[in-house]
Amino acid sequence: MSHALNVMTFNIRHGRALDGKNRWYKRRGLVFDTIRSHRPHVLGLQEVDPHQLDELRDTFPTFGVIAHRRYGGIFGAYAPLLFDSDRLEPGPSGDFWLSPDPDGERKRAWDSAVVRLCTWAVFIDRTTGDRFAALNSHFDQRGVEARRKSAELVVERLDGLAHVPRLFLGDINAKERYQTWRILTGAGLRDTFRVLHPDEEPAFTFHGFDGTGSAGKNGKIDYVLCDDRWRVLGAEIVRDGADGRWPSDHFPVTATLEIVRESS
C-alpha cells in the first residue's frame, strides 16, 4: 500500500503589488482552487503577506501553519510551511536568516536586495509514523553571492537534519545548472521534476502573468528537492489557468513522494 505524500511549492505573489487585472483580490480564488485541486500534504509558499496568510487559514482550516518571522522589505512577507494536520503532526520548527549570522538579528546580507529567511519543520506522518524534515525558502532576486551563500547555508542546515529524510522547497531565483542549483544538487538533493522529466523543454516556472505565452524565456526557478530517501512517484509544473488568467506570476511545482523503506 502506498503512503505517498503530496508536496507543493508555490510563490503566490505578494498581495500589495499593483498588478492591475492580476491584483490579489482578482486572482485569490485561482490560488485557492490550485491548492485545493492538488491537495498537498506539505505546502511551501513564498511572498505571503499577513492578510494573505489570514485568508489561507480561513480557506483551509484543516491546514496547520508554520510562520514565525517575515522576510523582505519594509512590510515583509512570510515563507510559511502549511501542512495537512489530519495527516501530519508537527514537531520542532523554526526559521533562520539567510545571512552570515542566521540566528542573529534581522538584516540584509551579502549583495541581497532584501532580508531573506528559511522556514523549517520536522513532521511525523500519522499514517506511517515516519519522521521527515521540510525547509522552505525564497532566495534573493538580485544578489548572486547571496543566492550562493544561501544555498550553502541551507545545505549546512539540512546536514543537521540528516537523521531524517529531507525536503527543500522554494523559489531559488536561479535556473537549472546555475551555481546556486549546483550547490544544492551537489549536496545530494534531487530535483523531483527532473527525476521523472529529465529532457522536458521548455520547463519554466516564472512567467510574469503571461502563462504559457512566455515560452520559457524566464526559466525554471521553483523547485521541490528531496534527498535519496524519497521515491519520486509523480512531479509536475502546474500550468493551470482560467480564461487567460493565472493564479500567480509563478507556476507552482508539485511532487508525489514516498519514503524508501530498507526492505523495498
C-alpha atoms as a PDB file:
ATOM      1  CA  MET A   1       0.000   0.000   0.000  1.00  0.00           C
ATOM      2  CA  SER A   2       1.322   3.428  -0.952  1.00  0.00           C
ATOM      3  CA  HIS A   3       1.533   6.096   1.716  1.00  0.00           C
ATOM      4  CA  ALA A   4       2.570   8.809  -0.682  1.00  0.00           C
ATOM      5  CA  LEU A   5       2.790  12.453   0.305  1.00  0.00           C
ATOM      6  CA  ASN A   6       1.784  15.282  -1.994  1.00  0.00           C
ATOM      7  CA  VAL A   7       4.191  18.218  -1.821  1.00  0.00           C
ATOM      8  CA  MET A   8       3.881  21.659  -3.435  1.00  0.00           C
ATOM      9  CA  THR A   9       5.958  24.819  -3.657  1.00  0.00           C
ATOM     10  CA  PHE A  10       4.149  27.987  -4.775  1.00  0.00           C
ATOM     11  CA  ASN A  11       5.228  31.620  -4.969  1.00  0.00           C
ATOM     12  CA  ILE A  12       1.795  33.262  -4.758  1.00  0.00           C
ATOM     13  CA  ARG A  13       2.971  36.879  -5.442  1.00  0.00           C
ATOM     14  CA  HIS A  14       2.505  39.306  -2.569  1.00  0.00           C
ATOM     15  CA  GLY A  15      -0.847  40.990  -2.188  1.00  0.00           C
ATOM     16  CA  ARG A  16       0.373  44.598  -2.180  1.00  0.00           C
ATOM     17  CA  ALA A  17       1.511  44.562  -5.799  1.00  0.00           C
ATOM     18  CA  LEU A  18      -0.337  46.905  -8.161  1.00  0.00           C
ATOM     19  CA  ASP A  19      -0.840  44.255 -10.807  1.00  0.00           C
ATOM     20  CA  GLY A  20      -3.984  45.565 -12.493  1.00  0.00           C
ATOM     21  CA  LYS A  21      -6.150  42.653 -13.594  1.00  0.00           C
ATOM     22  CA  ASN A  22      -3.803  40.357 -11.644  1.00  0.00           C
ATOM     23  CA  ARG A  23      -4.181  42.047  -8.268  1.00  0.00           C
ATOM     24  CA  TRP A  24      -4.612  39.687  -5.359  1.00  0.00           C
ATOM     25  CA  TYR A  25      -8.351  40.108  -4.843  1.00  0.00           C
ATOM     26  CA  LYS A  26      -8.943  39.263  -8.521  1.00  0.00           C
ATOM     27  CA  ARG A  27      -6.872  36.064  -8.524  1.00  0.00           C
ATOM     28  CA  ARG A  28      -7.012  34.700  -4.988  1.00  0.00           C
ATOM     29  CA  GLY A  29      -9.780  32.291  -5.980  1.00  0.00           C
ATOM     30  CA  LEU A  30      -7.461  30.814  -8.603  1.00  0.00           C
ATOM     31  CA  VAL A  31      -4.731  30.394  -5.982  1.00  0.00           C
ATOM     32  CA  PHE A  32      -7.128  28.636  -3.618  1.00  0.00           C
ATOM     33  CA  ASP A  33      -8.515  26.432  -6.413  1.00  0.00           C
ATOM     34  CA  THR A  34      -4.995  25.396  -7.449  1.00  0.00           C
ATOM     35  CA  ILE A  35      -4.084  24.381  -3.909  1.00  0.00           C
ATOM     36  CA  ARG A  36      -7.407  22.648  -3.391  1.00  0.00           C
ATOM     37  CA  SER A  37      -7.204  20.647  -6.620  1.00  0.00           C
ATOM     38  CA  HIS A  38      -3.701  19.310  -5.915  1.00  0.00           C
ATOM     39  CA  ARG A  39      -4.336  18.527  -2.230  1.00  0.00           C
ATOM     40  CA  PRO A  40      -0.815  18.936  -0.868  1.00  0.00           C
ATOM     41  CA  HIS A  41       0.107  17.422   2.475  1.00  0.00           C
ATOM     42  CA  VAL A  42       3.091  19.785   2.642  1.00  0.00           C
ATOM     43  CA  LEU A  43       2.902  23.221   1.048  1.00  0.00           C
ATOM     44  CA  GLY A  44       5.761  25.700   0.920  1.00  0.00           C
ATOM     45  CA  LEU A  45       4.631  29.211  -0.033  1.00  0.00           C
ATOM     46  CA  GLN A  46       6.624  32.327  -0.790  1.00  0.00           C
ATOM     47  CA  GLU A  47       5.758  36.052  -0.793  1.00  0.00           C
ATOM     48  CA  VAL A  48       2.842  35.627   1.592  1.00  0.00           C
ATOM     49  CA  ASP A  49       1.615  38.885   3.129  1.00  0.00           C
ATOM     50  CA  PRO A  50      -0.050  38.701   6.561  1.00  0.00           C
ATOM     51  CA  HIS A  51      -3.538  39.298   5.110  1.00  0.00           C
ATOM     52  CA  GLN A  52      -2.940  36.571   2.511  1.00  0.00           C
ATOM     53  CA  LEU A  53      -1.912  34.165   5.256  1.00  0.00           C
ATOM     54  CA  ASP A  54      -5.107  35.007   7.156  1.00  0.00           C
ATOM     55  CA  GLU A  55      -7.168  34.234   4.056  1.00  0.00           C
ATOM     56  CA  LEU A  56      -5.343  30.948   3.576  1.00  0.00           C
ATOM     57  CA  ARG A  57      -6.056  29.977   7.180  1.00  0.00           C
ATOM     58  CA  ASP A  58      -9.739  30.772   6.711  1.00  0.00           C
ATOM     59  CA  THR A  59      -9.962  28.921   3.400  1.00  0.00           C
ATOM     60  CA  PHE A  60      -8.076  25.819   4.541  1.00  0.00           C
ATOM     61  CA  PRO A  61      -8.988  25.324   8.216  1.00  0.00           C
ATOM     62  CA  THR A  62      -7.501  21.803   8.327  1.00  0.00           C
ATOM     63  CA  PHE A  63      -4.058  23.122   7.372  1.00  0.00           C
ATOM     64  CA  GLY A  64      -1.584  23.824  10.104  1.00  0.00           C
ATOM     65  CA  VAL A  65       0.677  26.823   9.557  1.00  0.00           C
ATOM     66  CA  ILE A  66       4.326  27.336  10.488  1.00  0.00           C
ATOM     67  CA  ALA A  67       5.203  31.000  10.000  1.00  0.00           C
ATOM     68  CA  HIS A  68       7.422  32.604  12.607  1.00  0.00           C
ATOM     69  CA  ARG A  69       9.038  35.709  11.138  1.00  0.00           C
ATOM     70  CA  ARG A  70       8.869  37.740   7.933  1.00  0.00           C
ATOM     71  CA  TYR A  71      11.471  38.423   5.269  1.00  0.00           C
ATOM     72  CA  GLY A  72      11.610  41.069   2.553  1.00  0.00           C
ATOM     73  CA  GLY A  73      11.448  44.844   2.655  1.00  0.00           C
ATOM     74  CA  ILE A  74       9.640  47.310   4.895  1.00  0.00           C
ATOM     75  CA  PHE A  75       6.360  45.405   5.118  1.00  0.00           C
ATOM     76  CA  GLY A  76       7.769  41.887   4.909  1.00  0.00           C
ATOM     77  CA  ALA A  77       6.219  38.593   3.861  1.00  0.00           C
ATOM     78  CA  TYR A  78       6.190  35.047   5.185  1.00  0.00           C
ATOM     79  CA  ALA A  79       7.701  31.939   3.632  1.00  0.00           C
ATOM     80  CA  PRO A  80       5.392  29.602   5.542  1.00  0.00           C
ATOM     81  CA  LEU A  81       5.057  25.866   5.627  1.00  0.00           C
ATOM     82  CA  LEU A  82       1.443  24.719   5.546  1.00  0.00           C
ATOM     83  CA  PHE A  83       0.594  21.114   6.266  1.00  0.00           C
ATOM     84  CA  ASP A  84      -2.396  18.778   6.330  1.00  0.00           C
ATOM     85  CA  SER A  85      -2.945  18.388  10.064  1.00  0.00           C
ATOM     86  CA  ASP A  86      -5.119  15.305   9.539  1.00  0.00           C
ATOM     87  CA  ARG A  87      -2.123  13.504   8.026  1.00  0.00           C
ATOM     88  CA  LEU A  88       0.874  15.201   9.675  1.00  0.00           C
ATOM     89  CA  GLU A  89       1.797  16.075  13.233  1.00  0.00           C
ATOM     90  CA  PRO A  90       4.212  18.982  13.580  1.00  0.00           C
ATOM     91  CA  GLY A  91       7.390  18.571  15.588  1.00  0.00           C
ATOM     92  CA  PRO A  92      10.220  21.037  16.161  1.00  0.00           C
ATOM     93  CA  SER A  93      10.170  24.044  13.854  1.00  0.00           C
ATOM     94  CA  GLY A  94      11.760  27.430  13.375  1.00  0.00           C
ATOM     95  CA  ASP A  95      13.446  29.672  10.873  1.00  0.00           C
ATOM     96  CA  PHE A  96      16.831  31.227  10.219  1.00  0.00           C
ATOM     97  CA  TRP A  97      18.037  34.273   8.355  1.00  0.00           C
ATOM     98  CA  LEU A  98      19.910  33.784   5.128  1.00  0.00           C
ATOM     99  CA  SER A  99      22.897  35.729   6.378  1.00  0.00           C
ATOM    100  CA  PRO A 100      26.320  35.190   7.986  1.00  0.00           C
ATOM    101  CA  ASP A 101      24.501  35.342  11.350  1.00  0.00           C
ATOM    102  CA  PRO A 102      21.489  33.101  10.661  1.00  0.00           C
ATOM    103  CA  ASP A 103      20.281  33.038  14.257  1.00  0.00           C
ATOM    104  CA  GLY A 104      21.018  36.681  14.978  1.00  0.00           C
ATOM    105  CA  GLU A 105      19.329  39.929  14.045  1.00  0.00           C
ATOM    106  CA  ARG A 106      17.146  40.545  11.032  1.00  0.00           C
ATOM    107  CA  LYS A 107      19.242  42.280   8.387  1.00  0.00           C
ATOM    108  CA  ARG A 108      20.081  42.271   4.714  1.00  0.00           C
ATOM    109  CA  ALA A 109      23.158  40.187   3.903  1.00  0.00           C
ATOM    110  CA  TRP A 110      25.819  39.925   1.194  1.00  0.00           C
ATOM    111  CA  ASP A 111      24.617  41.546  -2.045  1.00  0.00           C
ATOM    112  CA  SER A 112      20.919  40.803  -1.476  1.00  0.00           C
ATOM    113  CA  ALA A 113      18.181  43.282  -2.288  1.00  0.00           C
ATOM    114  CA  VAL A 114      16.154  42.467   0.842  1.00  0.00           C
ATOM    115  CA  VAL A 115      16.260  40.379   4.016  1.00  0.00           C
ATOM    116  CA  ARG A 116      15.797  36.664   3.347  1.00  0.00           C
ATOM    117  CA  LEU A 117      14.996  33.654   5.533  1.00  0.00           C
ATOM    118  CA  CYS A 118      14.233  29.940   5.524  1.00  0.00           C
ATOM    119  CA  THR A 119      11.409  28.251   7.451  1.00  0.00           C
ATOM    120  CA  TRP A 120      11.857  24.663   8.620  1.00  0.00           C
ATOM    121  CA  ALA A 121       9.939  21.950  10.456  1.00  0.00           C
ATOM    122  CA  VAL A 122      10.074  18.282  11.347  1.00  0.00           C
ATOM    123  CA  PHE A 123       6.860  16.332  10.827  1.00  0.00           C
ATOM    124  CA  ILE A 124       5.523  12.982  11.937  1.00  0.00           C
ATOM    125  CA  ASP A 125       3.346  11.122   9.440  1.00  0.00           C
ATOM    126  CA  ARG A 126       0.314   9.957  11.418  1.00  0.00           C
ATOM    127  CA  THR A 127      -0.269   7.162   8.884  1.00  0.00           C
ATOM    128  CA  THR A 128       3.181   5.572   8.913  1.00  0.00           C
ATOM    129  CA  GLY A 129       4.922   7.005  11.960  1.00  0.00           C
ATOM    130  CA  ASP A 130       7.751   8.261   9.734  1.00  0.00           C
ATOM    131  CA  ARG A 131       9.542  11.490  10.594  1.00  0.00           C
ATOM    132  CA  PHE A 132      10.875  13.868   7.964  1.00  0.00           C
ATOM    133  CA  ALA A 133      12.077  17.443   7.675  1.00  0.00           C
ATOM    134  CA  ALA A 134      10.947  20.157   5.270  1.00  0.00           C
ATOM    135  CA  LEU A 135      12.600  23.512   4.586  1.00  0.00           C
ATOM    136  CA  ASN A 136      11.038  26.333   2.577  1.00  0.00           C
ATOM    137  CA  SER A 137      12.700  29.494   1.321  1.00  0.00           C
ATOM    138  CA  HIS A 138      12.815  32.319  -1.218  1.00  0.00           C
ATOM    139  CA  PHE A 139      16.312  33.280  -2.311  1.00  0.00           C
ATOM    140  CA  ASP A 140      17.211  36.796  -3.353  1.00  0.00           C
ATOM    141  CA  GLN A 141      16.367  38.032  -6.830  1.00  0.00           C
ATOM    142  CA  ARG A 142      19.369  40.344  -7.193  1.00  0.00           C
ATOM    143  CA  GLY A 143      22.332  39.006  -5.249  1.00  0.00           C
ATOM    144  CA  VAL A 144      24.421  36.366  -6.996  1.00  0.00           C
ATOM    145  CA  GLU A 145      26.612  35.940  -3.921  1.00  0.00           C
ATOM    146  CA  ALA A 146      23.541  35.954  -1.681  1.00  0.00           C
ATOM    147  CA  ARG A 147      21.984  33.081  -3.608  1.00  0.00           C
ATOM    148  CA  ARG A 148      25.195  31.084  -3.470  1.00  0.00           C
ATOM    149  CA  LYS A 149      25.690  31.705   0.242  1.00  0.00           C
ATOM    150  CA  SER A 150      22.015  30.961   0.917  1.00  0.00           C
ATOM    151  CA  ALA A 151      22.331  27.594  -0.820  1.00  0.00           C
ATOM    152  CA  GLU A 152      25.423  26.771   1.229  1.00  0.00           C
ATOM    153  CA  LEU A 153      23.614  27.695   4.443  1.00  0.00           C
ATOM    154  CA  VAL A 154      20.582  25.587   3.538  1.00  0.00           C
ATOM    155  CA  VAL A 155      22.866  22.615   2.851  1.00  0.00           C
ATOM    156  CA  GLU A 156      24.509  23.139   6.237  1.00  0.00           C
ATOM    157  CA  ARG A 157      21.142  23.162   7.998  1.00  0.00           C
ATOM    158  CA  LEU A 158      19.996  20.108   6.052  1.00  0.00           C
ATOM    159  CA  ASP A 159      23.139  18.302   7.198  1.00  0.00           C
ATOM    160  CA  GLY A 160      21.995  18.954  10.751  1.00  0.00           C
ATOM    161  CA  LEU A 161      18.765  17.111   9.973  1.00  0.00           C
ATOM    162  CA  ALA A 162      20.427  14.139   8.284  1.00  0.00           C
ATOM    163  CA  HIS A 163      18.840  11.703  10.767  1.00  0.00           C
ATOM    164  CA  VAL A 164      15.516  12.034   8.876  1.00  0.00           C
ATOM    165  CA  PRO A 165      14.512  12.190   5.199  1.00  0.00           C
ATOM    166  CA  ARG A 166      14.627  15.804   3.988  1.00  0.00           C
ATOM    167  CA  LEU A 167      12.820  18.089   1.570  1.00  0.00           C
ATOM    168  CA  PHE A 168      13.741  21.552   0.369  1.00  0.00           C
ATOM    169  CA  LEU A 169      11.043  23.655  -1.283  1.00  0.00           C
ATOM    170  CA  GLY A 170      11.416  27.077  -2.737  1.00  0.00           C
ATOM    171  CA  ASP A 171      11.886  29.797  -5.257  1.00  0.00           C
ATOM    172  CA  ILE A 172      15.676  30.000  -5.501  1.00  0.00           C
ATOM    173  CA  ASN A 173      15.708  32.632  -8.258  1.00  0.00           C
ATOM    174  CA  ALA A 174      18.257  30.524 -10.142  1.00  0.00           C
ATOM    175  CA  LYS A 175      17.839  28.444 -13.253  1.00  0.00           C
ATOM    176  CA  GLU A 176      18.969  24.878 -13.645  1.00  0.00           C
ATOM    177  CA  ARG A 177      22.717  24.398 -13.840  1.00  0.00           C
ATOM    178  CA  TYR A 178      23.400  27.805 -12.319  1.00  0.00           C
ATOM    179  CA  GLN A 179      25.791  27.773  -9.370  1.00  0.00           C
ATOM    180  CA  THR A 180      23.028  28.000  -6.758  1.00  0.00           C
ATOM    181  CA  TRP A 181      21.342  24.945  -8.237  1.00  0.00           C
ATOM    182  CA  ARG A 182      24.679  23.107  -8.451  1.00  0.00           C
ATOM    183  CA  ILE A 183      25.382  23.695  -4.753  1.00  0.00           C
ATOM    184  CA  LEU A 184      22.042  22.189  -3.745  1.00  0.00           C
ATOM    185  CA  THR A 185      22.110  19.237  -6.112  1.00  0.00           C
ATOM    186  CA  GLY A 186      25.801  18.691  -5.460  1.00  0.00           C
ATOM    187  CA  ALA A 187      24.930  18.113  -1.820  1.00  0.00           C
ATOM    188  CA  GLY A 188      22.747  15.167  -2.762  1.00  0.00           C
ATOM    189  CA  LEU A 189      19.389  16.841  -3.298  1.00  0.00           C
ATOM    190  CA  ARG A 190      17.450  15.731  -6.364  1.00  0.00           C
ATOM    191  CA  ASP A 191      15.109  17.849  -8.445  1.00  0.00           C
ATOM    192  CA  THR A 192      11.915  15.795  -8.288  1.00  0.00           C
ATOM    193  CA  PHE A 193      10.673  17.189 -11.596  1.00  0.00           C
ATOM    194  CA  ARG A 194      13.860  16.187 -13.399  1.00  0.00           C
ATOM    195  CA  VAL A 195      13.816  12.698 -11.892  1.00  0.00           C
ATOM    196  CA  LEU A 196      10.728  11.978 -13.981  1.00  0.00           C
ATOM    197  CA  HIS A 197      11.116  14.539 -16.780  1.00  0.00           C
ATOM    198  CA  PRO A 198      14.858  14.724 -17.471  1.00  0.00           C
ATOM    199  CA  ASP A 199      14.535  16.071 -21.009  1.00  0.00           C
ATOM    200  CA  GLU A 200      11.360  18.164 -20.981  1.00  0.00           C
ATOM    201  CA  GLU A 201      11.909  21.572 -22.549  1.00  0.00           C
ATOM    202  CA  PRO A 202      10.921  24.279 -22.149  1.00  0.00           C
ATOM    203  CA  ALA A 203      10.438  23.707 -18.435  1.00  0.00           C
ATOM    204  CA  PHE A 204       9.861  27.072 -16.777  1.00  0.00           C
ATOM    205  CA  THR A 205       8.081  28.287 -13.670  1.00  0.00           C
ATOM    206  CA  PHE A 206       8.322  32.093 -13.691  1.00  0.00           C
ATOM    207  CA  HIS A 207       6.118  33.624 -16.387  1.00  0.00           C
ATOM    208  CA  GLY A 208       5.191  37.122 -15.197  1.00  0.00           C
ATOM    209  CA  PHE A 209       1.428  36.514 -15.591  1.00  0.00           C
ATOM    210  CA  ASP A 210       1.984  35.623 -19.238  1.00  0.00           C
ATOM    211  CA  GLY A 211       1.351  31.953 -18.607  1.00  0.00           C
ATOM    212  CA  THR A 212       2.359  29.565 -21.341  1.00  0.00           C
ATOM    213  CA  GLY A 213       2.825  32.539 -23.660  1.00  0.00           C
ATOM    214  CA  SER A 214       6.142  33.327 -22.002  1.00  0.00           C
ATOM    215  CA  ALA A 215       7.632  30.420 -23.982  1.00  0.00           C
ATOM    216  CA  GLY A 216      10.044  29.536 -21.220  1.00  0.00           C
ATOM    217  CA  LYS A 217      12.243  32.591 -21.606  1.00  0.00           C
ATOM    218  CA  ASN A 218      12.338  33.148 -17.835  1.00  0.00           C
ATOM    219  CA  GLY A 219      13.470  29.656 -16.889  1.00  0.00           C
ATOM    220  CA  LYS A 220      12.821  27.174 -14.121  1.00  0.00           C
ATOM    221  CA  ILE A 221      13.494  28.734 -10.712  1.00  0.00           C
ATOM    222  CA  ASP A 222      10.997  26.961  -8.397  1.00  0.00           C
ATOM    223  CA  TYR A 223      11.824  23.511  -7.060  1.00  0.00           C
ATOM    224  CA  VAL A 224      10.785  20.588  -4.916  1.00  0.00           C
ATOM    225  CA  LEU A 225      14.088  18.953  -3.981  1.00  0.00           C
ATOM    226  CA  CYS A 226      14.498  15.755  -1.965  1.00  0.00           C
ATOM    227  CA  ASP A 227      17.300  13.580  -0.696  1.00  0.00           C
ATOM    228  CA  ASP A 228      17.813   9.950  -1.720  1.00  0.00           C
ATOM    229  CA  ARG A 229      15.498   8.590   0.973  1.00  0.00           C
ATOM    230  CA  TRP A 230      12.449   9.522  -1.088  1.00  0.00           C
ATOM    231  CA  ARG A 231      10.970   7.733  -4.078  1.00  0.00           C
ATOM    232  CA  VAL A 232       9.542  10.129  -6.672  1.00  0.00           C
ATOM    233  CA  LEU A 233       6.170   8.862  -7.898  1.00  0.00           C
ATOM    234  CA  GLY A 234       4.957  11.994  -9.624  1.00  0.00           C
ATOM    235  CA  ALA A 235       6.124  15.519 -10.430  1.00  0.00           C
ATOM    236  CA  GLU A 236       4.534  18.400 -12.303  1.00  0.00           C
ATOM    237  CA  ILE A 237       4.855  22.060 -13.151  1.00  0.00           C
ATOM    238  CA  VAL A 238       1.237  23.145 -12.665  1.00  0.00           C
ATOM    239  CA  ARG A 239       0.175  25.377 -15.540  1.00  0.00           C
ATOM    240  CA  ASP A 240      -3.476  25.694 -14.526  1.00  0.00           C
ATOM    241  CA  GLY A 241      -5.216  28.894 -15.514  1.00  0.00           C
ATOM    242  CA  ALA A 242      -8.706  30.124 -16.346  1.00  0.00           C
ATOM    243  CA  ASP A 243      -9.866  32.407 -19.157  1.00  0.00           C
ATOM    244  CA  GLY A 244      -6.340  33.544 -19.913  1.00  0.00           C
ATOM    245  CA  ARG A 245      -5.603  34.393 -16.286  1.00  0.00           C
ATOM    246  CA  TRP A 246      -3.175  32.750 -13.876  1.00  0.00           C
ATOM    247  CA  PRO A 247      -3.084  32.280 -10.109  1.00  0.00           C
ATOM    248  CA  SER A 248       0.350  33.884  -9.807  1.00  0.00           C
ATOM    249  CA  ASP A 249       3.338  35.069 -11.807  1.00  0.00           C
ATOM    250  CA  HIS A 250       4.947  31.714 -10.966  1.00  0.00           C
ATOM    251  CA  PHE A 251       3.676  28.256 -11.770  1.00  0.00           C
ATOM    252  CA  PRO A 252       3.607  26.033  -8.681  1.00  0.00           C
ATOM    253  CA  VAL A 253       5.566  22.784  -8.689  1.00  0.00           C
ATOM    254  CA  THR A 254       4.248  19.549  -7.195  1.00  0.00           C
ATOM    255  CA  ALA A 255       5.709  16.165  -6.351  1.00  0.00           C
ATOM    256  CA  THR A 256       4.247  12.904  -5.087  1.00  0.00           C
ATOM    257  CA  LEU A 257       6.758  11.161  -2.848  1.00  0.00           C
ATOM    258  CA  GLU A 258       7.118   8.234  -0.523  1.00  0.00           C
ATOM    259  CA  ILE A 259       9.861   7.354   1.896  1.00  0.00           C
ATOM    260  CA  VAL A 260      12.024   4.465   0.706  1.00  0.00           C
ATOM    261  CA  ARG A 261      11.989   1.572   3.116  1.00  0.00           C
ATOM    262  CA  GLU A 262      15.081  -0.539   3.594  1.00  0.00           C
ATOM    263  CA  SER A 263      13.207  -3.697   2.635  1.00  0.00           C
ATOM    264  CA  SER A 264      11.698  -2.167  -0.520  1.00  0.00           C
END
